[in-house]
All heavy atoms as atom14 arrays in JSON, in Angstrom:
{
  "sequence": "VQAGGSLRLSCTTSGRTVSNYAMGWFRQAAGKEREFVGAINRSGGTT",
  "atom14_mask": [
    [1, 1, 1, 1, 1, 1, 1, 0, 0, 0, 0, 0, 0, 0],
    [1, 1, 1, 1, 1, 1, 1, 1, 1, 0, 0, 0, 0, 0],
    [1, 1, 1, 1, 1, 0, 0, 0, 0, 0, 0, 0, 0, 0],
    [1, 1, 1, 1, 0, 0, 0, 0, 0, 0, 0, 0, 0, 0],
    [1, 1, 1, 1, 0, 0, 0, 0, 0, 0, 0, 0, 0, 0],
    [1, 1, 1, 1, 1, 1, 0, 0, 0, 0, 0, 0, 0, 0],
    [1, 1, 1, 1, 1, 1, 1, 1, 0, 0, 0, 0, 0, 0],
    [1, 1, 1, 1, 1, 1, 1, 1, 1, 1, 1, 0, 0, 0],
    [1, 1, 1, 1, 1, 1, 1, 1, 0, 0, 0, 0, 0, 0],
    [1, 1, 1, 1, 1, 1, 0, 0, 0, 0, 0, 0, 0, 0],
    [1, 1, 1, 1, 1, 1, 0, 0, 0, 0, 0, 0, 0, 0],
    [1, 1, 1, 1, 1, 1, 1, 0, 0, 0, 0, 0, 0, 0],
    [1, 1, 1, 1, 1, 1, 1, 0, 0, 0, 0, 0, 0, 0],
    [1, 1, 1, 1, 1, 1, 0, 0, 0, 0, 0, 0, 0, 0],
    [1, 1, 1, 1, 0, 0, 0, 0, 0, 0, 0, 0, 0, 0],
    [1, 1, 1, 1, 1, 1, 1, 1, 1, 1, 1, 0, 0, 0],
    [1, 1, 1, 1, 1, 1, 1, 0, 0, 0, 0, 0, 0, 0],
    [1, 1, 1, 1, 1, 1, 1, 0, 0, 0, 0, 0, 0, 0],
    [1, 1, 1, 1, 1, 1, 0, 0, 0, 0, 0, 0, 0, 0],
    [1, 1, 1, 1, 1, 1, 1, 1, 0, 0, 0, 0, 0, 0],
    [1, 1, 1, 1, 1, 1, 1, 1, 1, 1, 1, 1, 0, 0],
    [1, 1, 1, 1, 1, 0, 0, 0, 0, 0, 0, 0, 0, 0],
    [1, 1, 1, 1, 1, 1, 1, 1, 0, 0, 0, 0, 0, 0],
    [1, 1, 1, 1, 0, 0, 0, 0, 0, 0, 0, 0, 0, 0],
    [1, 1, 1, 1, 1, 1, 1, 1, 1, 1, 1, 1, 1, 1],
    [1, 1, 1, 1, 1, 1, 1, 1, 1, 1, 1, 0, 0, 0],
    [1, 1, 1, 1, 1, 1, 1, 1, 1, 1, 1, 0, 0, 0],
    [1, 1, 1, 1, 1, 1, 1, 1, 1, 0, 0, 0, 0, 0],
    [1, 1, 1, 1, 1, 0, 0, 0, 0, 0, 0, 0, 0, 0],
    [1, 1, 1, 1, 1, 0, 0, 0, 0, 0, 0, 0, 0, 0],
    [1, 1, 1, 1, 0, 0, 0, 0, 0, 0, 0, 0, 0, 0],
    [1, 1, 1, 1, 1, 1, 1, 1, 1, 0, 0, 0, 0, 0],
    [1, 1, 1, 1, 1, 1, 1, 1, 1, 0, 0, 0, 0, 0],
    [1, 1, 1, 1, 1, 1, 1, 1, 1, 1, 1, 0, 0, 0],
    [1, 1, 1, 1, 1, 1, 1, 1, 1, 0, 0, 0, 0, 0],
    [1, 1, 1, 1, 1, 1, 1, 1, 1, 1, 1, 0, 0, 0],
    [1, 1, 1, 1, 1, 1, 1, 0, 0, 0, 0, 0, 0, 0],
    [1, 1, 1, 1, 0, 0, 0, 0, 0, 0, 0, 0, 0, 0],
    [1, 1, 1, 1, 1, 0, 0, 0, 0, 0, 0, 0, 0, 0],
    [1, 1, 1, 1, 1, 1, 1, 1, 0, 0, 0, 0, 0, 0],
    [1, 1, 1, 1, 1, 1, 1, 1, 0, 0, 0, 0, 0, 0],
    [1, 1, 1, 1, 1, 1, 1, 1, 1, 1, 1, 0, 0, 0],
    [1, 1, 1, 1, 1, 1, 0, 0, 0, 0, 0, 0, 0, 0],
    [1, 1, 1, 1, 0, 0, 0, 0, 0, 0, 0, 0, 0, 0],
    [1, 1, 1, 1, 0, 0, 0, 0, 0, 0, 0, 0, 0, 0],
    [1, 1, 1, 1, 1, 1, 1, 0, 0, 0, 0, 0, 0, 0],
    [1, 1, 1, 1, 1, 1, 1, 0, 0, 0, 0, 0, 0, 0]
  ],
  "atom14_positions": [
    [[-75.0, 17.11, 17.17], [-73.76, 16.36, 17.3], [-73.44, 16.21, 18.79], [-73.76, 17.05, 19.52], [-72.7, 17.03, 16.47], [-72.41, 18.34, 17.06], [-71.51, 16.13, 16.37], [0.0, 0.0, 0.0], [0.0, 0.0, 0.0], [0.0, 0.0, 0.0], [0.0, 0.0, 0.0], [0.0, 0.0, 0.0], [0.0, 0.0, 0.0], [0.0, 0.0, 0.0]],
    [[-72.71, 15.21, 19.12], [-72.38, 15.07, 20.47], [-71.02, 15.9, 20.74], [-70.32, 16.23, 19.75], [-71.96, 13.63, 20.78], [-73.23, 12.57, 20.84], [-72.8, 11.31, 21.38], [-71.83, 10.77, 21.16], [-73.75, 10.62, 22.01], [0.0, 0.0, 0.0], [0.0, 0.0, 0.0], [0.0, 0.0, 0.0], [0.0, 0.0, 0.0], [0.0, 0.0, 0.0]],
    [[-70.85, 16.3, 21.99], [-69.63, 16.97, 22.31], [-68.4, 16.31, 21.85], [-68.28, 14.94, 21.98], [-69.67, 17.21, 23.77], [0.0, 0.0, 0.0], [0.0, 0.0, 0.0], [0.0, 0.0, 0.0], [0.0, 0.0, 0.0], [0.0, 0.0, 0.0], [0.0, 0.0, 0.0], [0.0, 0.0, 0.0], [0.0, 0.0, 0.0], [0.0, 0.0, 0.0]],
    [[-67.44, 17.09, 21.31], [-66.27, 16.52, 20.74], [-66.38, 16.14, 19.32], [-65.33, 15.78, 18.61], [0.0, 0.0, 0.0], [0.0, 0.0, 0.0], [0.0, 0.0, 0.0], [0.0, 0.0, 0.0], [0.0, 0.0, 0.0], [0.0, 0.0, 0.0], [0.0, 0.0, 0.0], [0.0, 0.0, 0.0], [0.0, 0.0, 0.0], [0.0, 0.0, 0.0]],
    [[-67.57, 16.19, 18.7], [-67.86, 15.9, 17.28], [-67.51, 17.02, 16.33], [-67.15, 18.13, 16.93], [0.0, 0.0, 0.0], [0.0, 0.0, 0.0], [0.0, 0.0, 0.0], [0.0, 0.0, 0.0], [0.0, 0.0, 0.0], [0.0, 0.0, 0.0], [0.0, 0.0, 0.0], [0.0, 0.0, 0.0], [0.0, 0.0, 0.0], [0.0, 0.0, 0.0]],
    [[-67.77, 16.86, 15.17], [-67.51, 17.81, 14.1], [-68.77, 18.09, 13.2], [-69.52, 17.12, 13.06], [-66.38, 17.42, 13.22], [-65.14, 17.34, 13.93], [0.0, 0.0, 0.0], [0.0, 0.0, 0.0], [0.0, 0.0, 0.0], [0.0, 0.0, 0.0], [0.0, 0.0, 0.0], [0.0, 0.0, 0.0], [0.0, 0.0, 0.0], [0.0, 0.0, 0.0]],
    [[-68.89, 19.28, 12.57], [-69.85, 19.62, 11.65], [-69.24, 20.61, 10.71], [-68.3, 21.23, 11.05], [-71.17, 20.28, 12.32], [-72.17, 19.42, 12.95], [-73.28, 20.31, 13.64], [-72.81, 18.38, 11.98], [0.0, 0.0, 0.0], [0.0, 0.0, 0.0], [0.0, 0.0, 0.0], [0.0, 0.0, 0.0], [0.0, 0.0, 0.0], [0.0, 0.0, 0.0]],
    [[-69.79, 20.57, 9.53], [-69.31, 21.58, 8.52], [-70.59, 22.32, 7.94], [-71.41, 21.69, 7.39], [-68.56, 21.0, 7.32], [-67.9, 22.01, 6.48], [-67.04, 21.41, 5.39], [-67.86, 20.88, 4.32], [-67.38, 20.63, 3.11], [-66.11, 20.88, 2.75], [-68.13, 20.05, 2.16], [0.0, 0.0, 0.0], [0.0, 0.0, 0.0], [0.0, 0.0, 0.0]],
    [[-70.49, 23.59, 8.06], [-71.62, 24.44, 7.52], [-71.1, 25.01, 6.14], [-69.89, 25.23, 6.09], [-71.89, 25.6, 8.37], [-72.31, 25.28, 9.85], [-72.7, 26.55, 10.62], [-73.52, 24.39, 9.74], [0.0, 0.0, 0.0], [0.0, 0.0, 0.0], [0.0, 0.0, 0.0], [0.0, 0.0, 0.0], [0.0, 0.0, 0.0], [0.0, 0.0, 0.0]],
    [[-72.1, 25.06, 5.22], [-71.79, 25.71, 3.98], [-72.66, 26.95, 3.78], [-73.81, 27.03, 4.3], [-72.0, 24.68, 2.88], [-71.19, 23.48, 2.98], [0.0, 0.0, 0.0], [0.0, 0.0, 0.0], [0.0, 0.0, 0.0], [0.0, 0.0, 0.0], [0.0, 0.0, 0.0], [0.0, 0.0, 0.0], [0.0, 0.0, 0.0], [0.0, 0.0, 0.0]],
    [[-72.07, 27.9, 3.07], [-72.84, 29.09, 2.73], [-72.57, 29.37, 1.26], [-71.44, 29.66, 0.92], [-72.32, 30.15, 3.62], [-73.15, 31.83, 3.16], [0.0, 0.0, 0.0], [0.0, 0.0, 0.0], [0.0, 0.0, 0.0], [0.0, 0.0, 0.0], [0.0, 0.0, 0.0], [0.0, 0.0, 0.0], [0.0, 0.0, 0.0], [0.0, 0.0, 0.0]],
    [[-73.65, 29.26, 0.49], [-73.42, 29.43, -1.08], [-74.19, 30.69, -1.53], [-75.26, 30.92, -1.15], [-73.96, 28.21, -1.79], [-73.3, 27.07, -1.44], [-73.81, 28.47, -3.27], [0.0, 0.0, 0.0], [0.0, 0.0, 0.0], [0.0, 0.0, 0.0], [0.0, 0.0, 0.0], [0.0, 0.0, 0.0], [0.0, 0.0, 0.0], [0.0, 0.0, 0.0]],
    [[-73.43, 31.46, -2.19], [-73.98, 32.74, -2.76], [-74.74, 32.46, -4.12], [-74.22, 31.63, -4.82], [-72.95, 33.83, -3.0], [-72.11, 33.32, -3.95], [-72.21, 34.13, -1.72], [0.0, 0.0, 0.0], [0.0, 0.0, 0.0], [0.0, 0.0, 0.0], [0.0, 0.0, 0.0], [0.0, 0.0, 0.0], [0.0, 0.0, 0.0], [0.0, 0.0, 0.0]],
    [[-75.86, 33.06, -4.28], [-76.7, 32.81, -5.48], [-76.54, 33.94, -6.45], [-76.81, 35.16, -6.07], [-78.08, 32.65, -5.12], [-78.82, 32.5, -6.32], [0.0, 0.0, 0.0], [0.0, 0.0, 0.0], [0.0, 0.0, 0.0], [0.0, 0.0, 0.0], [0.0, 0.0, 0.0], [0.0, 0.0, 0.0], [0.0, 0.0, 0.0], [0.0, 0.0, 0.0]],
    [[-75.95, 33.78, -7.58], [-75.95, 34.81, -8.54], [-74.75, 35.74, -8.5], [-74.71, 36.86, -9.18], [0.0, 0.0, 0.0], [0.0, 0.0, 0.0], [0.0, 0.0, 0.0], [0.0, 0.0, 0.0], [0.0, 0.0, 0.0], [0.0, 0.0, 0.0], [0.0, 0.0, 0.0], [0.0, 0.0, 0.0], [0.0, 0.0, 0.0], [0.0, 0.0, 0.0]],
    [[-73.84, 35.53, -7.53], [-72.81, 36.4, -7.24], [-71.54, 35.59, -7.12], [-71.45, 34.43, -6.67], [-73.05, 37.24, -6.08], [-74.09, 38.22, -6.12], [-73.8, 39.31, -7.06], [-74.91, 40.33, -7.11], [-75.87, 40.39, -7.76], [-76.11, 39.36, -8.58], [-76.79, 41.29, -7.6], [0.0, 0.0, 0.0], [0.0, 0.0, 0.0], [0.0, 0.0, 0.0]],
    [[-70.3, 36.19, -7.51], [-69.14, 35.49, -7.47], [-68.41, 35.71, -6.12], [-68.35, 36.91, -5.67], [-68.05, 36.12, -8.53], [-68.67, 35.89, -9.76], [-66.78, 35.28, -8.37], [0.0, 0.0, 0.0], [0.0, 0.0, 0.0], [0.0, 0.0, 0.0], [0.0, 0.0, 0.0], [0.0, 0.0, 0.0], [0.0, 0.0, 0.0], [0.0, 0.0, 0.0]],
    [[-68.24, 34.66, -5.29], [-67.9, 34.8, -3.88], [-66.53, 35.51, -3.74], [-66.29, 36.12, -2.79], [-67.97, 33.39, -3.27], [-66.84, 32.63, -3.68], [-67.99, 33.52, -1.76], [0.0, 0.0, 0.0], [0.0, 0.0, 0.0], [0.0, 0.0, 0.0], [0.0, 0.0, 0.0], [0.0, 0.0, 0.0], [0.0, 0.0, 0.0], [0.0, 0.0, 0.0]],
    [[-65.81, 35.47, -4.8], [-64.48, 36.06, -4.71], [-64.5, 37.6, -4.61], [-63.5, 38.18, -4.38], [-63.54, 35.5, -5.84], [-64.12, 35.94, -7.04], [0.0, 0.0, 0.0], [0.0, 0.0, 0.0], [0.0, 0.0, 0.0], [0.0, 0.0, 0.0], [0.0, 0.0, 0.0], [0.0, 0.0, 0.0], [0.0, 0.0, 0.0], [0.0, 0.0, 0.0]],
    [[-65.67, 38.21, -4.88], [-65.83, 39.65, -4.79], [-66.23, 40.03, -3.33], [-66.33, 41.29, -3.19], [-66.79, 40.06, -5.77], [-66.34, 39.93, -7.15], [-65.1, 40.06, -7.43], [-67.27, 39.81, -8.12], [0.0, 0.0, 0.0], [0.0, 0.0, 0.0], [0.0, 0.0, 0.0], [0.0, 0.0, 0.0], [0.0, 0.0, 0.0], [0.0, 0.0, 0.0]],
    [[-66.34, 39.03, -2.42], [-66.95, 39.44, -1.21], [-66.03, 39.02, -0.05], [-65.47, 37.83, -0.08], [-68.33, 38.75, -1.0], [-69.34, 39.31, -1.96], [-69.47, 38.8, -3.3], [-70.17, 40.34, -1.62], [-70.39, 39.29, -4.16], [-71.08, 40.71, -2.54], [-71.25, 40.29, -3.8], [-72.15, 40.87, -4.6], [0.0, 0.0, 0.0], [0.0, 0.0, 0.0]],
    [[-66.0, 39.77, 1.01], [-65.58, 39.3, 2.32], [-66.7, 38.66, 2.98], [-67.86, 39.1, 2.8], [-64.99, 40.46, 3.19], [0.0, 0.0, 0.0], [0.0, 0.0, 0.0], [0.0, 0.0, 0.0], [0.0, 0.0, 0.0], [0.0, 0.0, 0.0], [0.0, 0.0, 0.0], [0.0, 0.0, 0.0], [0.0, 0.0, 0.0], [0.0, 0.0, 0.0]],
    [[-66.47, 37.64, 3.8], [-67.54, 36.82, 4.4], [-67.25, 36.62, 5.85], [-66.03, 36.52, 6.29], [-67.65, 35.56, 3.62], [-67.88, 35.68, 2.14], [-68.26, 34.18, 1.24], [-69.97, 33.91, 1.82], [0.0, 0.0, 0.0], [0.0, 0.0, 0.0], [0.0, 0.0, 0.0], [0.0, 0.0, 0.0], [0.0, 0.0, 0.0], [0.0, 0.0, 0.0]],
    [[-68.38, 36.52, 6.59], [-68.17, 36.19, 8.05], [-69.18, 35.2, 8.5], [-70.24, 35.01, 7.73], [0.0, 0.0, 0.0], [0.0, 0.0, 0.0], [0.0, 0.0, 0.0], [0.0, 0.0, 0.0], [0.0, 0.0, 0.0], [0.0, 0.0, 0.0], [0.0, 0.0, 0.0], [0.0, 0.0, 0.0], [0.0, 0.0, 0.0], [0.0, 0.0, 0.0]],
    [[-68.9, 34.57, 9.63], [-69.92, 33.8, 10.38], [-70.13, 34.31, 11.73], [-69.23, 34.78, 12.31], [-69.15, 32.36, 10.5], [-69.12, 31.6, 9.24], [-68.01, 31.45, 8.3], [-70.12, 30.67, 8.61], [-68.48, 30.61, 7.2], [-69.71, 30.17, 7.48], [-71.48, 30.43, 9.02], [-70.5, 29.32, 6.61], [-72.31, 29.56, 8.24], [-71.67, 29.02, 7.06]],
    [[-71.41, 34.2, 12.06], [-71.77, 34.76, 13.36], [-72.84, 33.69, 13.88], [-73.17, 32.81, 13.28], [-72.6, 36.0, 13.27], [-71.74, 37.12, 12.86], [-71.57, 37.26, 11.39], [-71.26, 38.16, 13.69], [-70.66, 38.42, 11.04], [-70.47, 39.19, 13.28], [-70.17, 39.3, 11.85], [0.0, 0.0, 0.0], [0.0, 0.0, 0.0], [0.0, 0.0, 0.0]],
    [[-73.0, 33.64, 15.24], [-73.9, 32.77, 15.89], [-74.7, 33.53, 16.94], [-74.26, 34.49, 17.45], [-73.17, 31.54, 16.42], [-72.32, 31.93, 17.62], [-71.52, 30.79, 18.11], [-70.65, 30.99, 19.25], [-69.84, 30.11, 19.8], [-69.58, 28.83, 19.14], [-69.08, 30.48, 20.75], [0.0, 0.0, 0.0], [0.0, 0.0, 0.0], [0.0, 0.0, 0.0]],
    [[-75.88, 32.9, 17.18], [-76.79, 33.49, 18.22], [-77.45, 32.32, 18.91], [-78.22, 31.53, 18.36], [-77.92, 34.34, 17.56], [-78.72, 35.08, 18.57], [-79.52, 36.25, 18.0], [-79.71, 36.27, 16.76], [-79.9, 37.2, 18.75], [0.0, 0.0, 0.0], [0.0, 0.0, 0.0], [0.0, 0.0, 0.0], [0.0, 0.0, 0.0], [0.0, 0.0, 0.0]],
    [[-77.09, 32.21, 20.28], [-77.61, 31.29, 21.16], [-79.05, 31.81, 21.68], [-79.19, 33.14, 21.74], [-76.62, 30.93, 22.31], [0.0, 0.0, 0.0], [0.0, 0.0, 0.0], [0.0, 0.0, 0.0], [0.0, 0.0, 0.0], [0.0, 0.0, 0.0], [0.0, 0.0, 0.0], [0.0, 0.0, 0.0], [0.0, 0.0, 0.0], [0.0, 0.0, 0.0]],
    [[-79.8, 30.91, 22.13], [-81.14, 31.25, 22.7], [-80.87, 32.35, 23.79], [-80.21, 32.07, 24.72], [-81.85, 30.17, 23.16], [0.0, 0.0, 0.0], [0.0, 0.0, 0.0], [0.0, 0.0, 0.0], [0.0, 0.0, 0.0], [0.0, 0.0, 0.0], [0.0, 0.0, 0.0], [0.0, 0.0, 0.0], [0.0, 0.0, 0.0], [0.0, 0.0, 0.0]],
    [[-81.58, 33.48, 23.73], [-81.5, 34.42, 24.7], [-80.33, 35.4, 24.78], [-80.13, 36.15, 25.76], [0.0, 0.0, 0.0], [0.0, 0.0, 0.0], [0.0, 0.0, 0.0], [0.0, 0.0, 0.0], [0.0, 0.0, 0.0], [0.0, 0.0, 0.0], [0.0, 0.0, 0.0], [0.0, 0.0, 0.0], [0.0, 0.0, 0.0], [0.0, 0.0, 0.0]],
    [[-79.45, 35.08, 23.84], [-78.21, 35.92, 23.8], [-78.12, 36.86, 22.49], [-78.88, 36.56, 21.5], [-77.03, 35.03, 23.96], [-76.93, 34.32, 25.25], [-75.64, 33.54, 25.29], [-75.55, 32.75, 26.65], [-74.26, 32.04, 26.8], [0.0, 0.0, 0.0], [0.0, 0.0, 0.0], [0.0, 0.0, 0.0], [0.0, 0.0, 0.0], [0.0, 0.0, 0.0]],
    [[-77.13, 37.71, 22.43], [-76.97, 38.51, 21.19], [-76.19, 37.71, 20.24], [-75.42, 36.78, 20.63], [-76.25, 39.82, 21.69], [-77.1, 40.69, 22.56], [-76.51, 42.05, 22.86], [-75.19, 42.19, 22.44], [-77.1, 42.92, 23.38], [0.0, 0.0, 0.0], [0.0, 0.0, 0.0], [0.0, 0.0, 0.0], [0.0, 0.0, 0.0], [0.0, 0.0, 0.0]],
    [[-76.29, 38.19, 18.98], [-75.5, 37.61, 17.92], [-74.06, 37.94, 18.18], [-73.77, 39.01, 18.62], [-76.0, 38.21, 16.62], [-75.43, 37.41, 15.48], [-76.1, 37.78, 14.14], [-77.55, 37.46, 14.27], [-78.36, 37.52, 13.14], [-77.93, 37.94, 12.0], [-79.65, 37.22, 13.29], [0.0, 0.0, 0.0], [0.0, 0.0, 0.0], [0.0, 0.0, 0.0]],
    [[-73.13, 36.9, 17.99], [-71.78, 37.15, 18.24], [-70.91, 36.72, 17.0], [-71.29, 35.8, 16.33], [-71.29, 36.45, 19.46], [-71.31, 34.9, 19.42], [-70.76, 34.26, 20.7], [-70.39, 34.99, 21.6], [-70.66, 33.07, 20.77], [0.0, 0.0, 0.0], [0.0, 0.0, 0.0], [0.0, 0.0, 0.0], [0.0, 0.0, 0.0], [0.0, 0.0, 0.0]],
    [[-69.76, 37.25, 16.87], [-68.89, 37.0, 15.8], [-68.22, 35.67, 16.12], [-67.82, 35.32, 17.31], [-67.79, 38.14, 15.86], [-66.67, 37.91, 14.97], [-66.81, 37.97, 13.62], [-65.24, 37.6, 15.4], [-65.69, 37.74, 12.76], [-64.25, 37.24, 14.71], [-64.41, 37.44, 13.3], [0.0, 0.0, 0.0], [0.0, 0.0, 0.0], [0.0, 0.0, 0.0]],
    [[-68.12, 34.89, 15.09], [-67.35, 33.53, 15.16], [-66.12, 33.62, 14.33], [-65.08, 33.29, 14.8], [-68.22, 32.47, 14.53], [-67.59, 31.19, 14.4], [-69.56, 32.33, 15.29], [0.0, 0.0, 0.0], [0.0, 0.0, 0.0], [0.0, 0.0, 0.0], [0.0, 0.0, 0.0], [0.0, 0.0, 0.0], [0.0, 0.0, 0.0], [0.0, 0.0, 0.0]],
    [[-66.12, 34.11, 13.09], [-64.99, 34.28, 12.26], [-65.24, 34.96, 11.04], [-66.41, 35.2, 10.56], [0.0, 0.0, 0.0], [0.0, 0.0, 0.0], [0.0, 0.0, 0.0], [0.0, 0.0, 0.0], [0.0, 0.0, 0.0], [0.0, 0.0, 0.0], [0.0, 0.0, 0.0], [0.0, 0.0, 0.0], [0.0, 0.0, 0.0], [0.0, 0.0, 0.0]],
    [[-64.17, 35.22, 10.28], [-64.29, 35.98, 9.03], [-63.23, 35.63, 8.04], [-62.12, 35.21, 8.49], [-64.35, 37.48, 9.24], [0.0, 0.0, 0.0], [0.0, 0.0, 0.0], [0.0, 0.0, 0.0], [0.0, 0.0, 0.0], [0.0, 0.0, 0.0], [0.0, 0.0, 0.0], [0.0, 0.0, 0.0], [0.0, 0.0, 0.0], [0.0, 0.0, 0.0]],
    [[-63.35, 35.88, 6.81], [-62.4, 35.59, 5.8], [-62.36, 36.67, 4.81], [-63.42, 37.25, 4.43], [-62.73, 34.15, 5.07], [-61.44, 33.78, 4.23], [-63.89, 34.13, 4.35], [-61.54, 32.4, 3.83], [0.0, 0.0, 0.0], [0.0, 0.0, 0.0], [0.0, 0.0, 0.0], [0.0, 0.0, 0.0], [0.0, 0.0, 0.0], [0.0, 0.0, 0.0]],
    [[-61.17, 37.1, 4.4], [-61.18, 38.18, 3.48], [-61.5, 37.73, 1.95], [-61.74, 36.6, 1.7], [-59.75, 38.88, 3.42], [-58.69, 37.96, 2.84], [-58.91, 36.75, 2.87], [-57.61, 38.6, 2.51], [0.0, 0.0, 0.0], [0.0, 0.0, 0.0], [0.0, 0.0, 0.0], [0.0, 0.0, 0.0], [0.0, 0.0, 0.0], [0.0, 0.0, 0.0]],
    [[-61.57, 38.65, 1.09], [-62.01, 38.44, -0.31], [-61.16, 37.34, -0.91], [-61.54, 36.49, -1.61], [-62.01, 39.73, -1.06], [-62.21, 39.59, -2.43], [-62.33, 41.03, -3.07], [-62.2, 40.95, -4.57], [-62.43, 41.82, -5.41], [-62.76, 42.93, -5.04], [-62.23, 41.62, -6.67], [0.0, 0.0, 0.0], [0.0, 0.0, 0.0], [0.0, 0.0, 0.0]],
    [[-59.76, 37.56, -0.83], [-58.87, 36.56, -1.46], [-58.8, 35.23, -0.82], [-58.36, 34.28, -1.4], [-57.47, 37.14, -1.51], [-57.03, 37.3, -0.27], [0.0, 0.0, 0.0], [0.0, 0.0, 0.0], [0.0, 0.0, 0.0], [0.0, 0.0, 0.0], [0.0, 0.0, 0.0], [0.0, 0.0, 0.0], [0.0, 0.0, 0.0], [0.0, 0.0, 0.0]],
    [[-59.32, 35.14, 0.45], [-59.31, 33.83, 1.25], [-57.95, 33.53, 1.89], [-57.82, 32.57, 2.56], [0.0, 0.0, 0.0], [0.0, 0.0, 0.0], [0.0, 0.0, 0.0], [0.0, 0.0, 0.0], [0.0, 0.0, 0.0], [0.0, 0.0, 0.0], [0.0, 0.0, 0.0], [0.0, 0.0, 0.0], [0.0, 0.0, 0.0], [0.0, 0.0, 0.0]],
    [[-57.08, 34.59, 1.84], [-55.81, 34.33, 2.46], [-55.6, 34.73, 3.88], [-54.74, 34.39, 4.58], [0.0, 0.0, 0.0], [0.0, 0.0, 0.0], [0.0, 0.0, 0.0], [0.0, 0.0, 0.0], [0.0, 0.0, 0.0], [0.0, 0.0, 0.0], [0.0, 0.0, 0.0], [0.0, 0.0, 0.0], [0.0, 0.0, 0.0], [0.0, 0.0, 0.0]],
    [[-56.61, 35.39, 4.42], [-56.67, 35.97, 5.82], [-57.97, 35.58, 6.48], [-59.01, 35.66, 5.92], [-56.41, 37.43, 5.79], [-55.24, 37.86, 5.18], [-56.42, 37.91, 7.25], [0.0, 0.0, 0.0], [0.0, 0.0, 0.0], [0.0, 0.0, 0.0], [0.0, 0.0, 0.0], [0.0, 0.0, 0.0], [0.0, 0.0, 0.0], [0.0, 0.0, 0.0]],
    [[-57.77, 34.98, 7.71], [-58.98, 34.75, 8.54], [-58.85, 35.28, 9.86], [-57.63, 35.49, 10.32], [-59.23, 33.08, 8.55], [-57.98, 32.48, 9.12], [-59.6, 32.59, 7.13], [0.0, 0.0, 0.0], [0.0, 0.0, 0.0], [0.0, 0.0, 0.0], [0.0, 0.0, 0.0], [0.0, 0.0, 0.0], [0.0, 0.0, 0.0], [0.0, 0.0, 0.0]]
  ]
}
């Protein structure tokens, strides 16, 4: 995507109810360590 644009990533759990899990997003750029992007709690009310 060009700078200023948008993308949406999806993450689907197989065989498990996602409401039982806290979930997080991380990213790793080339040559760098994995870093925290964001997280959401089990109920979805806190990010």
